[in-house]
Amino acid sequence: MKKRILIVDDDPDLLATVKERLNVHDFICSTLSAPEKVLERAIKWRPDLILLDLGLPAISGFGILRELKYHPKLARIPVVIFSGNSDAEVVREGLELGATGYLNKTCGARELVTTISQYAFGAA
């Protein structure tokens, strides 16, 4: 069964690359560059996993993560932090707020697909 992945990032090139990599592996992807629309899109589209950048304009990724985890309809959706910042404190804070995992934006295609597969299919 194909899993639905919502990819949230403000870089259109990165969104296109990640979407392409995941689509090749039979994921259905929706991309979003407007952080203020994440809750609305997640409620309507019901993704199996959200790949969330932390460095978003206007609203922090931590703020979005907090909102997702407090929303009764969205709290169970796995959220994987997708960031170029691999500082241990940043990762720890994200996990404490309820993120399921962390991926560095510099990860290779294999690591991206493997990690998303593990969390989207509930194996992790």
C-alpha atoms as a PDB file:
ATOM      1  CA  MET A   1       0.000   0.000   0.000  1.00  0.00           C
ATOM      2  CA  LYS A   2       1.389   3.390  -1.001  1.00  0.00           C
ATOM      3  CA  LYS A   3       2.071   5.774   1.867  1.00  0.00           C
ATOM      4  CA  ARG A   4       1.340   9.502   1.762  1.00  0.00           C
ATOM      5  CA  ILE A   5       4.175  11.836   2.727  1.00  0.00           C
ATOM      6  CA  LEU A   6       3.748  15.568   3.352  1.00  0.00           C
ATOM      7  CA  ILE A   7       7.064  17.351   2.765  1.00  0.00           C
ATOM      8  CA  VAL A   8       7.341  20.823   4.335  1.00  0.00           C
ATOM      9  CA  ASP A   9      10.272  23.058   3.363  1.00  0.00           C
ATOM     10  CA  ASP A  10      10.774  26.578   2.033  1.00  0.00           C
ATOM     11  CA  ASP A  11      13.302  25.528  -0.645  1.00  0.00           C
ATOM     12  CA  PRO A  12      11.455  24.658  -3.895  1.00  0.00           C
ATOM     13  CA  ASP A  13      14.462  22.815  -5.347  1.00  0.00           C
ATOM     14  CA  LEU A  14      14.781  20.629  -2.270  1.00  0.00           C
ATOM     15  CA  LEU A  15      11.033  19.942  -2.279  1.00  0.00           C
ATOM     16  CA  ALA A  16      11.217  18.803  -5.902  1.00  0.00           C
ATOM     17  CA  THR A  17      14.266  16.600  -5.288  1.00  0.00           C
ATOM     18  CA  VAL A  18      12.862  14.890  -2.207  1.00  0.00           C
ATOM     19  CA  LYS A  19       9.482  14.388  -3.858  1.00  0.00           C
ATOM     20  CA  GLU A  20      11.119  12.833  -6.908  1.00  0.00           C
ATOM     21  CA  ARG A  21      13.246  10.496  -4.760  1.00  0.00           C
ATOM     22  CA  LEU A  22      10.249   9.325  -2.777  1.00  0.00           C
ATOM     23  CA  ASN A  23       7.891   9.026  -5.770  1.00  0.00           C
ATOM     24  CA  VAL A  24      10.352   6.624  -7.419  1.00  0.00           C
ATOM     25  CA  HIS A  25       9.861   4.370  -4.384  1.00  0.00           C
ATOM     26  CA  ASP A  26       6.061   4.442  -4.653  1.00  0.00           C
ATOM     27  CA  PHE A  27       5.333   7.075  -2.034  1.00  0.00           C
ATOM     28  CA  ILE A  28       2.605   9.599  -2.774  1.00  0.00           C
ATOM     29  CA  CYS A  29       4.023  13.012  -1.927  1.00  0.00           C
ATOM     30  CA  SER A  30       2.545  16.421  -1.376  1.00  0.00           C
ATOM     31  CA  THR A  31       4.839  19.396  -0.923  1.00  0.00           C
ATOM     32  CA  LEU A  32       4.221  22.568   1.004  1.00  0.00           C
ATOM     33  CA  SER A  33       6.371  25.681   1.311  1.00  0.00           C
ATOM     34  CA  ALA A  34       3.879  27.762   3.321  1.00  0.00           C
ATOM     35  CA  PRO A  35       4.312  26.798   6.976  1.00  0.00           C
ATOM     36  CA  GLU A  36       1.051  28.456   7.996  1.00  0.00           C
ATOM     37  CA  LYS A  37      -0.830  25.900   5.870  1.00  0.00           C
ATOM     38  CA  VAL A  38       0.624  22.717   7.418  1.00  0.00           C
ATOM     39  CA  LEU A  39      -2.239  21.980   9.816  1.00  0.00           C
ATOM     40  CA  GLU A  40      -4.886  22.651   7.182  1.00  0.00           C
ATOM     41  CA  ARG A  41      -3.151  20.440   4.593  1.00  0.00           C
ATOM     42  CA  ALA A  42      -2.512  17.665   7.114  1.00  0.00           C
ATOM     43  CA  ILE A  43      -6.153  17.608   8.217  1.00  0.00           C
ATOM     44  CA  LYS A  44      -7.454  17.502   4.634  1.00  0.00           C
ATOM     45  CA  TRP A  45      -4.834  15.192   3.120  1.00  0.00           C
ATOM     46  CA  ARG A  46      -4.179  12.852   6.097  1.00  0.00           C
ATOM     47  CA  PRO A  47      -0.534  11.966   5.413  1.00  0.00           C
ATOM     48  CA  ASP A  48       1.062   8.838   6.830  1.00  0.00           C
ATOM     49  CA  LEU A  49       4.166  10.877   7.685  1.00  0.00           C
ATOM     50  CA  ILE A  50       5.274  14.515   7.701  1.00  0.00           C
ATOM     51  CA  LEU A  51       8.834  15.452   6.760  1.00  0.00           C
ATOM     52  CA  LEU A  52       9.302  18.838   8.432  1.00  0.00           C
ATOM     53  CA  ASP A  53      12.032  21.438   8.009  1.00  0.00           C
ATOM     54  CA  LEU A  54      12.815  23.395  11.161  1.00  0.00           C
ATOM     55  CA  GLY A  55      14.116  26.569   9.493  1.00  0.00           C
ATOM     56  CA  LEU A  56      10.904  27.875   7.993  1.00  0.00           C
ATOM     57  CA  PRO A  57      10.037  31.550   7.462  1.00  0.00           C
ATOM     58  CA  ALA A  58       7.458  33.197   9.724  1.00  0.00           C
ATOM     59  CA  ILE A  59       6.725  30.089  11.836  1.00  0.00           C
ATOM     60  CA  SER A  60       9.407  27.880  13.335  1.00  0.00           C
ATOM     61  CA  GLY A  61       9.399  24.182  12.609  1.00  0.00           C
ATOM     62  CA  PHE A  62       9.358  23.629  16.376  1.00  0.00           C
ATOM     63  CA  GLY A  63       6.141  25.655  16.589  1.00  0.00           C
ATOM     64  CA  ILE A  64       4.544  23.605  13.824  1.00  0.00           C
ATOM     65  CA  LEU A  65       5.693  20.375  15.446  1.00  0.00           C
ATOM     66  CA  ARG A  66       4.153  21.472  18.740  1.00  0.00           C
ATOM     67  CA  GLU A  67       0.842  22.320  17.019  1.00  0.00           C
ATOM     68  CA  LEU A  68       0.784  18.988  15.180  1.00  0.00           C
ATOM     69  CA  LYS A  69       1.401  17.005  18.346  1.00  0.00           C
ATOM     70  CA  TYR A  70      -1.305  18.868  20.302  1.00  0.00           C
ATOM     71  CA  HIS A  71      -3.937  18.551  17.581  1.00  0.00           C
ATOM     72  CA  PRO A  72      -6.257  15.610  18.313  1.00  0.00           C
ATOM     73  CA  LYS A  73      -6.610  14.623  14.640  1.00  0.00           C
ATOM     74  CA  LEU A  74      -2.890  14.905  13.855  1.00  0.00           C
ATOM     75  CA  ALA A  75      -1.009  13.897  16.990  1.00  0.00           C
ATOM     76  CA  ARG A  76      -0.448  10.294  15.867  1.00  0.00           C
ATOM     77  CA  ILE A  77       1.075  11.173  12.499  1.00  0.00           C
ATOM     78  CA  PRO A  78       4.831  10.526  12.614  1.00  0.00           C
ATOM     79  CA  VAL A  79       6.871  13.680  12.058  1.00  0.00           C
ATOM     80  CA  VAL A  80      10.477  13.404  10.932  1.00  0.00           C
ATOM     81  CA  ILE A  81      12.558  16.538  11.389  1.00  0.00           C
ATOM     82  CA  PHE A  82      14.368  17.394   8.162  1.00  0.00           C
ATOM     83  CA  SER A  83      17.069  19.925   8.870  1.00  0.00           C
ATOM     84  CA  GLY A  84      20.555  20.996   7.950  1.00  0.00           C
ATOM     85  CA  ASN A  85      21.180  21.656  11.627  1.00  0.00           C
ATOM     86  CA  SER A  86      22.450  18.475  13.265  1.00  0.00           C
ATOM     87  CA  ASP A  87      23.260  20.093  16.596  1.00  0.00           C
ATOM     88  CA  ALA A  88      22.491  17.595  19.357  1.00  0.00           C
ATOM     89  CA  GLU A  89      20.402  20.164  21.259  1.00  0.00           C
ATOM     90  CA  VAL A  90      18.235  20.845  18.205  1.00  0.00           C
ATOM     91  CA  VAL A  91      17.663  17.138  17.613  1.00  0.00           C
ATOM     92  CA  ARG A  92      16.935  16.531  21.309  1.00  0.00           C
ATOM     93  CA  GLU A  93      14.428  19.394  21.453  1.00  0.00           C
ATOM     94  CA  GLY A  94      12.604  18.080  18.384  1.00  0.00           C
ATOM     95  CA  LEU A  95      12.389  14.578  19.803  1.00  0.00           C
ATOM     96  CA  GLU A  96      11.168  15.924  23.149  1.00  0.00           C
ATOM     97  CA  LEU A  97       8.421  17.834  21.327  1.00  0.00           C
ATOM     98  CA  GLY A  98       7.231  14.594  19.777  1.00  0.00           C
ATOM     99  CA  ALA A  99       9.168  14.147  16.544  1.00  0.00           C
ATOM    100  CA  THR A 100       9.527  10.528  15.551  1.00  0.00           C
ATOM    101  CA  GLY A 101      12.988  10.935  14.070  1.00  0.00           C
ATOM    102  CA  TYR A 102      15.557  13.179  12.474  1.00  0.00           C
ATOM    103  CA  LEU A 103      17.127  13.342   9.017  1.00  0.00           C
ATOM    104  CA  ASN A 104      19.882  15.694   7.953  1.00  0.00           C
ATOM    105  CA  LYS A 105      19.173  17.411   4.642  1.00  0.00           C
ATOM    106  CA  THR A 106      22.529  16.204   3.370  1.00  0.00           C
ATOM    107  CA  CYS A 107      21.498  12.546   3.699  1.00  0.00           C
ATOM    108  CA  GLY A 108      21.703  10.382   0.623  1.00  0.00           C
ATOM    109  CA  ALA A 109      18.743   9.006  -1.286  1.00  0.00           C
ATOM    110  CA  ARG A 110      19.078   5.563   0.316  1.00  0.00           C
ATOM    111  CA  GLU A 111      19.016   6.953   3.874  1.00  0.00           C
ATOM    112  CA  LEU A 112      16.060   9.196   3.019  1.00  0.00           C
ATOM    113  CA  VAL A 113      13.996   6.343   1.594  1.00  0.00           C
ATOM    114  CA  THR A 114      14.992   3.873   4.317  1.00  0.00           C
ATOM    115  CA  THR A 115      14.153   6.268   7.154  1.00  0.00           C
ATOM    116  CA  ILE A 116      10.856   7.380   5.637  1.00  0.00           C
ATOM    117  CA  SER A 117       9.903   3.761   4.966  1.00  0.00           C
ATOM    118  CA  GLN A 118      10.631   2.732   8.557  1.00  0.00           C
ATOM    119  CA  TYR A 119       8.538   5.484  10.086  1.00  0.00           C
ATOM    120  CA  ALA A 120       5.727   5.563   7.503  1.00  0.00           C
ATOM    121  CA  PHE A 121       5.148   1.827   7.804  1.00  0.00           C
ATOM    122  CA  GLY A 122       5.402   1.912  11.591  1.00  0.00           C
ATOM    123  CA  ALA A 123       8.449  -0.360  11.804  1.00  0.00           C
ATOM    124  CA  ALA A 124      10.493   2.037  13.909  1.00  0.00           C
END
